[in-house]
Amino acid sequence: MNKKLFWQGLGYAAGVAAYVTLVAWGMTRAEHWFGGQNPGLWGPALFLMLFCLSAAIVGSLLFGRPLYLVLAGKKTEALWQAATNITWLFVITALAFGLLAAVR
């Protein structure tokens, strides 16, 4: 594995962490923005649309480059890239849990 894959994996995992944090911040502010009204059908529908959009964005960030590498015939590099992306995401998640535990 080369250093380029290592740092790219960190960048993709950081992108996922930033996106997830932004969405979580938006969800905590939703009641303030929409006045705490009963959303009826639209609340669950919008939540599910956001869920699907998030799956597409996170999937692209984590697996877009590995898919490109596979299609370019670089299967070994693609596996390393996917493994590095997932490993970095695990590390960032573990650090976030550790930070949360330390603050409490």
PDB file of N, CA and C in Angstrom:
ATOM      1  N   MET A   1       0.850  -1.179   0.000  1.00  0.00           N
ATOM      2  CA  MET A   1       0.000   0.000   0.000  1.00  0.00           C
ATOM      3  C   MET A   1       0.892   1.238   0.000  1.00  0.00           C
ATOM      4  N   ASN A   2       0.539   2.216  -0.810  1.00  0.00           N
ATOM      5  CA  ASN A   2       1.352   3.425  -0.843  1.00  0.00           C
ATOM      6  C   ASN A   2       0.736   4.527   0.022  1.00  0.00           C
ATOM      7  N   LYS A   3       1.522   5.558   0.245  1.00  0.00           N
ATOM      8  CA  LYS A   3       1.077   6.651   1.117  1.00  0.00           C
ATOM      9  C   LYS A   3      -0.093   7.422   0.520  1.00  0.00           C
ATOM     10  N   LYS A   4      -0.174   7.455  -0.802  1.00  0.00           N
ATOM     11  CA  LYS A   4      -1.263   8.169  -1.460  1.00  0.00           C
ATOM     12  C   LYS A   4      -2.618   7.574  -1.056  1.00  0.00           C
ATOM     13  N   LEU A   5      -2.720   6.233  -1.083  1.00  0.00           N
ATOM     14  CA  LEU A   5      -3.967   5.578  -0.675  1.00  0.00           C
ATOM     15  C   LEU A   5      -4.275   5.855   0.786  1.00  0.00           C
ATOM     16  N   PHE A   6      -3.240   5.856   1.604  1.00  0.00           N
ATOM     17  CA  PHE A   6      -3.393   6.097   3.041  1.00  0.00           C
ATOM     18  C   PHE A   6      -4.042   7.458   3.292  1.00  0.00           C
ATOM     19  N   TRP A   7      -3.501   8.502   2.652  1.00  0.00           N
ATOM     20  CA  TRP A   7      -4.013   9.854   2.877  1.00  0.00           C
ATOM     21  C   TRP A   7      -5.339  10.098   2.161  1.00  0.00           C
ATOM     22  N   GLN A   8      -5.539   9.456   1.009  1.00  0.00           N
ATOM     23  CA  GLN A   8      -6.834   9.559   0.346  1.00  0.00           C
ATOM     24  C   GLN A   8      -7.928   8.939   1.206  1.00  0.00           C
ATOM     25  N   GLY A   9      -7.616   7.805   1.821  1.00  0.00           N
ATOM     26  CA  GLY A   9      -8.581   7.155   2.708  1.00  0.00           C
ATOM     27  C   GLY A   9      -8.978   8.062   3.855  1.00  0.00           C
ATOM     28  N   LEU A  10      -7.995   8.758   4.423  1.00  0.00           N
ATOM     29  CA  LEU A  10      -8.307   9.705   5.496  1.00  0.00           C
ATOM     30  C   LEU A  10      -9.207  10.822   4.981  1.00  0.00           C
ATOM     31  N   GLY A  11      -8.929  11.314   3.792  1.00  0.00           N
ATOM     32  CA  GLY A  11      -9.749  12.386   3.224  1.00  0.00           C
ATOM     33  C   GLY A  11     -11.187  11.952   2.990  1.00  0.00           C
ATOM     34  N   TYR A  12     -11.379  10.754   2.430  1.00  0.00           N
ATOM     35  CA  TYR A  12     -12.734  10.260   2.180  1.00  0.00           C
ATOM     36  C   TYR A  12     -13.478  10.012   3.494  1.00  0.00           C
ATOM     37  N   ALA A  13     -12.804   9.432   4.479  1.00  0.00           N
ATOM     38  CA  ALA A  13     -13.444   9.180   5.779  1.00  0.00           C
ATOM     39  C   ALA A  13     -13.766  10.490   6.483  1.00  0.00           C
ATOM     40  N   ALA A  14     -12.882  11.480   6.377  1.00  0.00           N
ATOM     41  CA  ALA A  14     -13.154  12.790   6.969  1.00  0.00           C
ATOM     42  C   ALA A  14     -14.339  13.452   6.272  1.00  0.00           C
ATOM     43  N   GLY A  15     -14.455  13.251   4.968  1.00  0.00           N
ATOM     44  CA  GLY A  15     -15.611  13.771   4.238  1.00  0.00           C
ATOM     45  C   GLY A  15     -16.910  13.156   4.730  1.00  0.00           C
ATOM     46  N   VAL A  16     -16.895  11.853   4.974  1.00  0.00           N
ATOM     47  CA  VAL A  16     -18.078  11.184   5.518  1.00  0.00           C
ATOM     48  C   VAL A  16     -18.395  11.727   6.909  1.00  0.00           C
ATOM     49  N   ALA A  17     -17.375  11.872   7.752  1.00  0.00           N
ATOM     50  CA  ALA A  17     -17.587  12.389   9.106  1.00  0.00           C
ATOM     51  C   ALA A  17     -18.152  13.809   9.064  1.00  0.00           C
ATOM     52  N   ALA A  18     -17.638  14.639   8.179  1.00  0.00           N
ATOM     53  CA  ALA A  18     -18.137  16.010   8.052  1.00  0.00           C
ATOM     54  C   ALA A  18     -19.583  16.017   7.568  1.00  0.00           C
ATOM     55  N   TYR A  19     -19.900  15.195   6.585  1.00  0.00           N
ATOM     56  CA  TYR A  19     -21.264  15.126   6.067  1.00  0.00           C
ATOM     57  C   TYR A  19     -22.236  14.640   7.150  1.00  0.00           C
ATOM     58  N   VAL A  20     -21.863  13.590   7.852  1.00  0.00           N
ATOM     59  CA  VAL A  20     -22.734  13.051   8.905  1.00  0.00           C
ATOM     60  C   VAL A  20     -22.943  14.086  10.017  1.00  0.00           C
ATOM     61  N   THR A  21     -21.880  14.795  10.373  1.00  0.00           N
ATOM     62  CA  THR A  21     -21.992  15.826  11.407  1.00  0.00           C
ATOM     63  C   THR A  21     -22.913  16.946  10.943  1.00  0.00           C
ATOM     64  N   LEU A  22     -22.800  17.353   9.695  1.00  0.00           N
ATOM     65  CA  LEU A  22     -23.656  18.401   9.151  1.00  0.00           C
ATOM     66  C   LEU A  22     -25.127  17.980   9.155  1.00  0.00           C
ATOM     67  N   VAL A  23     -25.403  16.749   8.742  1.00  0.00           N
ATOM     68  CA  VAL A  23     -26.778  16.244   8.742  1.00  0.00           C
ATOM     69  C   VAL A  23     -27.311  16.141  10.177  1.00  0.00           C
ATOM     70  N   ALA A  24     -26.494  15.660  11.103  1.00  0.00           N
ATOM     71  CA  ALA A  24     -26.928  15.558  12.504  1.00  0.00           C
ATOM     72  C   ALA A  24     -27.219  16.937  13.076  1.00  0.00           C
ATOM     73  N   TRP A  25     -26.378  17.919  12.747  1.00  0.00           N
ATOM     74  CA  TRP A  25     -26.625  19.289  13.206  1.00  0.00           C
ATOM     75  C   TRP A  25     -27.952  19.800  12.640  1.00  0.00           C
ATOM     76  N   GLY A  26     -28.191  19.543  11.368  1.00  0.00           N
ATOM     77  CA  GLY A  26     -29.446  19.961  10.751  1.00  0.00           C
ATOM     78  C   GLY A  26     -30.651  19.300  11.392  1.00  0.00           C
ATOM     79  N   MET A  27     -30.511  18.027  11.743  1.00  0.00           N
ATOM     80  CA  MET A  27     -31.635  17.323  12.372  1.00  0.00           C
ATOM     81  C   MET A  27     -31.921  17.860  13.768  1.00  0.00           C
ATOM     82  N   THR A  28     -30.881  18.288  14.487  1.00  0.00           N
ATOM     83  CA  THR A  28     -31.124  18.839  15.822  1.00  0.00           C
ATOM     84  C   THR A  28     -31.753  20.231  15.736  1.00  0.00           C
ATOM     85  N   ARG A  29     -31.549  20.929  14.634  1.00  0.00           N
ATOM     86  CA  ARG A  29     -32.105  22.276  14.449  1.00  0.00           C
ATOM     87  C   ARG A  29     -33.465  22.256  13.760  1.00  0.00           C
ATOM     88  N   ALA A  30     -33.923  21.113  13.283  1.00  0.00           N
ATOM     89  CA  ALA A  30     -35.149  21.041  12.480  1.00  0.00           C
ATOM     90  C   ALA A  30     -36.362  21.577  13.223  1.00  0.00           C
ATOM     91  N   GLU A  31     -36.482  21.273  14.491  1.00  0.00           N
ATOM     92  CA  GLU A  31     -37.646  21.751  15.250  1.00  0.00           C
ATOM     93  C   GLU A  31     -37.659  23.276  15.310  1.00  0.00           C
ATOM     94  N   HIS A  32     -36.497  23.871  15.475  1.00  0.00           N
ATOM     95  CA  HIS A  32     -36.402  25.329  15.512  1.00  0.00           C
ATOM     96  C   HIS A  32     -36.769  25.932  14.153  1.00  0.00           C
ATOM     97  N   TRP A  33     -36.278  25.338  13.083  1.00  0.00           N
ATOM     98  CA  TRP A  33     -36.531  25.863  11.741  1.00  0.00           C
ATOM     99  C   TRP A  33     -37.982  25.719  11.317  1.00  0.00           C
ATOM    100  N   PHE A  34     -38.599  24.596  11.690  1.00  0.00           N
ATOM    101  CA  PHE A  34     -39.960  24.317  11.231  1.00  0.00           C
ATOM    102  C   PHE A  34     -41.013  24.544  12.307  1.00  0.00           C
ATOM    103  N   GLY A  35     -40.620  25.087  13.434  1.00  0.00           N
ATOM    104  CA  GLY A  35     -41.573  25.486  14.457  1.00  0.00           C
ATOM    105  C   GLY A  35     -42.188  24.366  15.265  1.00  0.00           C
ATOM    106  N   GLY A  36     -41.667  23.175  15.228  1.00  0.00           N
ATOM    107  CA  GLY A  36     -42.180  22.079  16.050  1.00  0.00           C
ATOM    108  C   GLY A  36     -43.566  21.629  15.658  1.00  0.00           C
ATOM    109  N   GLN A  37     -43.979  21.895  14.434  1.00  0.00           N
ATOM    110  CA  GLN A  37     -45.309  21.504  13.994  1.00  0.00           C
ATOM    111  C   GLN A  37     -45.352  20.006  13.705  1.00  0.00           C
ATOM    112  N   ASN A  38     -46.545  19.470  13.710  1.00  0.00           N
ATOM    113  CA  ASN A  38     -46.714  18.067  13.350  1.00  0.00           C
ATOM    114  C   ASN A  38     -46.569  17.956  11.836  1.00  0.00           C
ATOM    115  N   PRO A  39     -45.542  17.269  11.348  1.00  0.00           N
ATOM    116  CA  PRO A  39     -45.303  17.254   9.902  1.00  0.00           C
ATOM    117  C   PRO A  39     -46.214  16.309   9.122  1.00  0.00           C
ATOM    118  N   GLY A  40     -46.992  15.482   9.816  1.00  0.00           N
ATOM    119  CA  GLY A  40     -47.874  14.548   9.122  1.00  0.00           C
ATOM    120  C   GLY A  40     -47.091  13.580   8.261  1.00  0.00           C
ATOM    121  N   LEU A  41     -47.534  13.429   7.027  1.00  0.00           N
ATOM    122  CA  LEU A  41     -46.896  12.518   6.086  1.00  0.00           C
ATOM    123  C   LEU A  41     -45.519  13.010   5.669  1.00  0.00           C
ATOM    124  N   TRP A  42     -45.321  14.309   5.593  1.00  0.00           N
ATOM    125  CA  TRP A  42     -44.092  14.861   5.037  1.00  0.00           C
ATOM    126  C   TRP A  42     -42.868  14.631   5.920  1.00  0.00           C
ATOM    127  N   GLY A  43     -43.024  14.586   7.218  1.00  0.00           N
ATOM    128  CA  GLY A  43     -41.885  14.347   8.096  1.00  0.00           C
ATOM    129  C   GLY A  43     -41.191  13.022   7.815  1.00  0.00           C
ATOM    130  N   PRO A  44     -41.933  11.910   7.898  1.00  0.00           N
ATOM    131  CA  PRO A  44     -41.308  10.616   7.588  1.00  0.00           C
ATOM    132  C   PRO A  44     -40.824  10.522   6.141  1.00  0.00           C
ATOM    133  N   ALA A  45     -41.567  11.107   5.199  1.00  0.00           N
ATOM    134  CA  ALA A  45     -41.157  11.054   3.795  1.00  0.00           C
ATOM    135  C   ALA A  45     -39.835  11.790   3.599  1.00  0.00           C
ATOM    136  N   LEU A  46     -39.712  12.964   4.187  1.00  0.00           N
ATOM    137  CA  LEU A  46     -38.467  13.721   4.058  1.00  0.00           C
ATOM    138  C   LEU A  46     -37.317  13.020   4.765  1.00  0.00           C
ATOM    139  N   PHE A  47     -37.601  12.403   5.909  1.00  0.00           N
ATOM    140  CA  PHE A  47     -36.555  11.658   6.605  1.00  0.00           C
ATOM    141  C   PHE A  47     -36.038  10.511   5.739  1.00  0.00           C
ATOM    142  N   LEU A  48     -36.942   9.770   5.111  1.00  0.00           N
ATOM    143  CA  LEU A  48     -36.530   8.651   4.262  1.00  0.00           C
ATOM    144  C   LEU A  48     -35.787   9.127   3.019  1.00  0.00           C
ATOM    145  N   MET A  49     -36.208  10.271   2.463  1.00  0.00           N
ATOM    146  CA  MET A  49     -35.471  10.813   1.312  1.00  0.00           C
ATOM    147  C   MET A  49     -34.060  11.230   1.731  1.00  0.00           C
ATOM    148  N   LEU A  50     -33.933  11.841   2.905  1.00  0.00           N
ATOM    149  CA  LEU A  50     -32.619  12.217   3.411  1.00  0.00           C
ATOM    150  C   LEU A  50     -31.776  10.969   3.670  1.00  0.00           C
ATOM    151  N   PHE A  51     -32.391   9.925   4.173  1.00  0.00           N
ATOM    152  CA  PHE A  51     -31.689   8.660   4.417  1.00  0.00           C
ATOM    153  C   PHE A  51     -31.139   8.087   3.114  1.00  0.00           C
ATOM    154  N   CYS A  52     -31.950   8.082   2.067  1.00  0.00           N
ATOM    155  CA  CYS A  52     -31.510   7.560   0.761  1.00  0.00           C
ATOM    156  C   CYS A  52     -30.417   8.439   0.164  1.00  0.00           C
ATOM    157  N   LEU A  53     -30.580   9.755   0.264  1.00  0.00           N
ATOM    158  CA  LEU A  53     -29.554  10.665  -0.238  1.00  0.00           C
ATOM    159  C   LEU A  53     -28.246  10.455   0.513  1.00  0.00           C
ATOM    160  N   SER A  54     -28.329  10.291   1.818  1.00  0.00           N
ATOM    161  CA  SER A  54     -27.133  10.066   2.631  1.00  0.00           C
ATOM    162  C   SER A  54     -26.437   8.768   2.245  1.00  0.00           C
ATOM    163  N   ALA A  55     -27.215   7.723   1.996  1.00  0.00           N
ATOM    164  CA  ALA A  55     -26.612   6.451   1.570  1.00  0.00           C
ATOM    165  C   ALA A  55     -25.870   6.628   0.250  1.00  0.00           C
ATOM    166  N   ALA A  56     -26.431   7.392  -0.659  1.00  0.00           N
ATOM    167  CA  ALA A  56     -25.780   7.628  -1.945  1.00  0.00           C
ATOM    168  C   ALA A  56     -24.498   8.442  -1.774  1.00  0.00           C
ATOM    169  N   ILE A  57     -24.547   9.482  -0.960  1.00  0.00           N
ATOM    170  CA  ILE A  57     -23.374  10.337  -0.761  1.00  0.00           C
ATOM    171  C   ILE A  57     -22.258   9.578  -0.055  1.00  0.00           C
ATOM    172  N   VAL A  58     -22.599   8.900   1.032  1.00  0.00           N
ATOM    173  CA  VAL A  58     -21.582   8.156   1.782  1.00  0.00           C
ATOM    174  C   VAL A  58     -21.041   6.996   0.946  1.00  0.00           C
ATOM    175  N   GLY A  59     -21.907   6.306   0.220  1.00  0.00           N
ATOM    176  CA  GLY A  59     -21.449   5.231  -0.652  1.00  0.00           C
ATOM    177  C   GLY A  59     -20.486   5.741  -1.718  1.00  0.00           C
ATOM    178  N   SER A  60     -20.788   6.915  -2.263  1.00  0.00           N
ATOM    179  CA  SER A  60     -19.893   7.506  -3.265  1.00  0.00           C
ATOM    180  C   SER A  60     -18.551   7.869  -2.656  1.00  0.00           C
ATOM    181  N   LEU A  61     -18.579   8.443  -1.464  1.00  0.00           N
ATOM    182  CA  LEU A  61     -17.329   8.840  -0.818  1.00  0.00           C
ATOM    183  C   LEU A  61     -16.463   7.625  -0.476  1.00  0.00           C
ATOM    184  N   LEU A  62     -17.087   6.576   0.040  1.00  0.00           N
ATOM    185  CA  LEU A  62     -16.311   5.418   0.472  1.00  0.00           C
ATOM    186  C   LEU A  62     -15.944   4.471  -0.669  1.00  0.00           C
ATOM    187  N   PHE A  63     -16.839   4.309  -1.653  1.00  0.00           N
ATOM    188  CA  PHE A  63     -16.630   3.271  -2.661  1.00  0.00           C
ATOM    189  C   PHE A  63     -16.519   3.787  -4.087  1.00  0.00           C
ATOM    190  N   GLY A  64     -16.624   5.094  -4.293  1.00  0.00           N
ATOM    191  CA  GLY A  64     -16.511   5.645  -5.638  1.00  0.00           C
ATOM    192  C   GLY A  64     -15.138   5.430  -6.247  1.00  0.00           C
ATOM    193  N   ARG A  65     -14.102   5.812  -5.515  1.00  0.00           N
ATOM    194  CA  ARG A  65     -12.732   5.640  -6.027  1.00  0.00           C
ATOM    195  C   ARG A  65     -12.368   4.158  -6.190  1.00  0.00           C
ATOM    196  N   PRO A  66     -12.684   3.293  -5.206  1.00  0.00           N
ATOM    197  CA  PRO A  66     -12.398   1.868  -5.429  1.00  0.00           C
ATOM    198  C   PRO A  66     -13.115   1.304  -6.666  1.00  0.00           C
ATOM    199  N   LEU A  67     -14.336   1.729  -6.913  1.00  0.00           N
ATOM    200  CA  LEU A  67     -15.045   1.261  -8.108  1.00  0.00           C
ATOM    201  C   LEU A  67     -14.336   1.731  -9.371  1.00  0.00           C
ATOM    202  N   TYR A  68     -13.914   2.988  -9.363  1.00  0.00           N
ATOM    203  CA  TYR A  68     -13.151   3.514 -10.504  1.00  0.00           C
ATOM    204  C   TYR A  68     -11.884   2.690 -10.731  1.00  0.00           C
ATOM    205  N   LEU A  69     -11.187   2.363  -9.649  1.00  0.00           N
ATOM    206  CA  LEU A  69      -9.950   1.585  -9.774  1.00  0.00           C
ATOM    207  C   LEU A  69     -10.212   0.183 -10.314  1.00  0.00           C
ATOM    208  N   VAL A  70     -11.302  -0.445  -9.880  1.00  0.00           N
ATOM    209  CA  VAL A  70     -11.653  -1.774 -10.395  1.00  0.00           C
ATOM    210  C   VAL A  70     -11.930  -1.684 -11.893  1.00  0.00           C
ATOM    211  N   LEU A  71     -12.692  -0.669 -12.290  1.00  0.00           N
ATOM    212  CA  LEU A  71     -13.015  -0.517 -13.704  1.00  0.00           C
ATOM    213  C   LEU A  71     -11.762  -0.194 -14.541  1.00  0.00           C
ATOM    214  N   ALA A  72     -10.752   0.391 -13.903  1.00  0.00           N
ATOM    215  CA  ALA A  72      -9.494   0.680 -14.585  1.00  0.00           C
ATOM    216  C   ALA A  72      -8.546  -0.511 -14.566  1.00  0.00           C
ATOM    217  N   GLY A  73      -8.988  -1.632 -13.973  1.00  0.00           N
ATOM    218  CA  GLY A  73      -8.171  -2.838 -13.955  1.00  0.00           C
ATOM    219  C   GLY A  73      -7.175  -2.905 -12.814  1.00  0.00           C
ATOM    220  N   LYS A  74      -7.299  -2.049 -11.823  1.00  0.00           N
ATOM    221  CA  LYS A  74      -6.371  -2.030 -10.682  1.00  0.00           C
ATOM    222  C   LYS A  74      -7.075  -2.610  -9.456  1.00  0.00           C
ATOM    223  N   LYS A  75      -7.331  -3.902  -9.491  1.00  0.00           N
ATOM    224  CA  LYS A  75      -8.134  -4.544  -8.450  1.00  0.00           C
ATOM    225  C   LYS A  75      -7.450  -4.540  -7.084  1.00  0.00           C
ATOM    226  N   THR A  76      -6.153  -4.786  -7.054  1.00  0.00           N
ATOM    227  CA  THR A  76      -5.443  -4.803  -5.773  1.00  0.00           C
ATOM    228  C   THR A  76      -5.469  -3.420  -5.131  1.00  0.00           C
ATOM    229  N   GLU A  77      -5.198  -2.397  -5.933  1.00  0.00           N
ATOM    230  CA  GLU A  77      -5.227  -1.033  -5.421  1.00  0.00           C
ATOM    231  C   GLU A  77      -6.633  -0.652  -4.965  1.00  0.00           C
ATOM    232  N   ALA A  78      -7.647  -1.138  -5.676  1.00  0.00           N
ATOM    233  CA  ALA A  78      -9.039  -0.869  -5.300  1.00  0.00           C
ATOM    234  C   ALA A  78      -9.367  -1.478  -3.936  1.00  0.00           C
ATOM    235  N   LEU A  79      -8.918  -2.704  -3.711  1.00  0.00           N
ATOM    236  CA  LEU A  79      -9.161  -3.340  -2.411  1.00  0.00           C
ATOM    237  C   LEU A  79      -8.458  -2.584  -1.289  1.00  0.00           C
ATOM    238  N   TRP A  80      -7.218  -2.167  -1.540  1.00  0.00           N
ATOM    239  CA  TRP A  80      -6.494  -1.401  -0.525  1.00  0.00           C
ATOM    240  C   TRP A  80      -7.192  -0.070  -0.249  1.00  0.00           C
ATOM    241  N   GLN A  81      -7.674   0.589  -1.301  1.00  0.00           N
ATOM    242  CA  GLN A  81      -8.352   1.876  -1.114  1.00  0.00           C
ATOM    243  C   GLN A  81      -9.618   1.695  -0.293  1.00  0.00           C
ATOM    244  N   ALA A  82     -10.432   0.696  -0.620  1.00  0.00           N
ATOM    245  CA  ALA A  82     -11.667   0.447   0.131  1.00  0.00           C
ATOM    246  C   ALA A  82     -11.352   0.103   1.587  1.00  0.00           C
ATOM    247  N   ALA A  83     -10.353  -0.751   1.793  1.00  0.00           N
ATOM    248  CA  ALA A  83      -9.981  -1.122   3.163  1.00  0.00           C
ATOM    249  C   ALA A  83      -9.463   0.082   3.948  1.00  0.00           C
ATOM    250  N   THR A  84      -8.682   0.925   3.292  1.00  0.00           N
ATOM    251  CA  THR A  84      -8.157   2.114   3.959  1.00  0.00           C
ATOM    252  C   THR A  84      -9.278   3.078   4.310  1.00  0.00           C
ATOM    253  N   ASN A  85     -10.211   3.291   3.374  1.00  0.00           N
ATOM    254  CA  ASN A  85     -11.348   4.181   3.644  1.00  0.00           C
ATOM    255  C   ASN A  85     -12.142   3.701   4.859  1.00  0.00           C
ATOM    256  N   ILE A  86     -12.444   2.412   4.881  1.00  0.00           N
ATOM    257  CA  ILE A  86     -13.243   1.858   5.974  1.00  0.00           C
ATOM    258  C   ILE A  86     -12.464   1.886   7.287  1.00  0.00           C
ATOM    259  N   THR A  87     -11.179   1.598   7.231  1.00  0.00           N
ATOM    260  CA  THR A  87     -10.360   1.638   8.445  1.00  0.00           C
ATOM    261  C   THR A  87     -10.315   3.045   9.021  1.00  0.00           C
ATOM    262  N   TRP A  88     -10.099   4.042   8.174  1.00  0.00           N
ATOM    263  CA  TRP A  88     -10.085   5.426   8.657  1.00  0.00           C
ATOM    264  C   TRP A  88     -11.439   5.823   9.241  1.00  0.00           C
ATOM    265  N   LEU A  89     -12.526   5.390   8.602  1.00  0.00           N
ATOM    266  CA  LEU A  89     -13.849   5.700   9.139  1.00  0.00           C
ATOM    267  C   LEU A  89     -14.031   5.060  10.513  1.00  0.00           C
ATOM    268  N   PHE A  90     -13.538   3.845  10.673  1.00  0.00           N
ATOM    269  CA  PHE A  90     -13.588   3.179  11.974  1.00  0.00           C
ATOM    270  C   PHE A  90     -12.790   3.967  13.011  1.00  0.00           C
ATOM    271  N   VAL A  91     -11.594   4.408  12.640  1.00  0.00           N
ATOM    272  CA  VAL A  91     -10.741   5.169  13.571  1.00  0.00           C
ATOM    273  C   VAL A  91     -11.434   6.467  13.985  1.00  0.00           C
ATOM    274  N   ILE A  92     -11.986   7.185  13.021  1.00  0.00           N
ATOM    275  CA  ILE A  92     -12.677   8.448  13.340  1.00  0.00           C
ATOM    276  C   ILE A  92     -13.880   8.186  14.231  1.00  0.00           C
ATOM    277  N   THR A  93     -14.627   7.114  13.952  1.00  0.00           N
ATOM    278  CA  THR A  93     -15.790   6.766  14.775  1.00  0.00           C
ATOM    279  C   THR A  93     -15.359   6.409  16.195  1.00  0.00           C
ATOM    280  N   ALA A  94     -14.300   5.621  16.327  1.00  0.00           N
ATOM    281  CA  ALA A  94     -13.795   5.247  17.656  1.00  0.00           C
ATOM    282  C   ALA A  94     -13.324   6.480  18.424  1.00  0.00           C
ATOM    283  N   LEU A  95     -12.647   7.395  17.737  1.00  0.00           N
ATOM    284  CA  LEU A  95     -12.212   8.638  18.395  1.00  0.00           C
ATOM    285  C   LEU A  95     -13.400   9.473  18.851  1.00  0.00           C
ATOM    286  N   ALA A  96     -14.463   9.521  18.025  1.00  0.00           N
ATOM    287  CA  ALA A  96     -15.652  10.275  18.412  1.00  0.00           C
ATOM    288  C   ALA A  96     -16.320   9.654  19.634  1.00  0.00           C
ATOM    289  N   PHE A  97     -16.400   8.316  19.665  1.00  0.00           N
ATOM    290  CA  PHE A  97     -16.948   7.646  20.852  1.00  0.00           C
ATOM    291  C   PHE A  97     -16.086   7.928  22.080  1.00  0.00           C
ATOM    292  N   GLY A  98     -14.779   7.856  21.908  1.00  0.00           N
ATOM    293  CA  GLY A  98     -13.860   8.134  23.019  1.00  0.00           C
ATOM    294  C   GLY A  98     -14.001   9.568  23.524  1.00  0.00           C
ATOM    295  N   LEU A  99     -14.123  10.505  22.597  1.00  0.00           N
ATOM    296  CA  LEU A  99     -14.311  11.908  22.981  1.00  0.00           C
ATOM    297  C   LEU A  99     -15.628  12.095  23.720  1.00  0.00           C
ATOM    298  N   LEU A 100     -16.686  11.474  23.233  1.00  0.00           N
ATOM    299  CA  LEU A 100     -17.986  11.556  23.887  1.00  0.00           C
ATOM    300  C   LEU A 100     -17.921  10.967  25.300  1.00  0.00           C
ATOM    301  N   ALA A 101     -17.251   9.841  25.445  1.00  0.00           N
ATOM    302  CA  ALA A 101     -17.119   9.194  26.765  1.00  0.00           C
ATOM    303  C   ALA A 101     -16.285  10.053  27.715  1.00  0.00           C
ATOM    304  N   ALA A 102     -15.250  10.705  27.179  1.00  0.00           N
ATOM    305  CA  ALA A 102     -14.382  11.541  28.016  1.00  0.00           C
ATOM    306  C   ALA A 102     -15.090  12.796  28.503  1.00  0.00           C
ATOM    307  N   VAL A 103     -15.986  13.320  27.655  1.00  0.00           N
ATOM    308  CA  VAL A 103     -16.719  14.551  28.018  1.00  0.00           C
ATOM    309  C   VAL A 103     -17.782  14.254  29.068  1.00  0.00           C
ATOM    310  N   ARG A 104     -18.356  13.091  29.020  1.00  0.00           N
ATOM    311  CA  ARG A 104     -19.411  12.725  29.971  1.00  0.00           C
ATOM    312  C   ARG A 104     -18.754  12.389  31.249  1.00  0.00           C
TER     313      ARG A 104
END
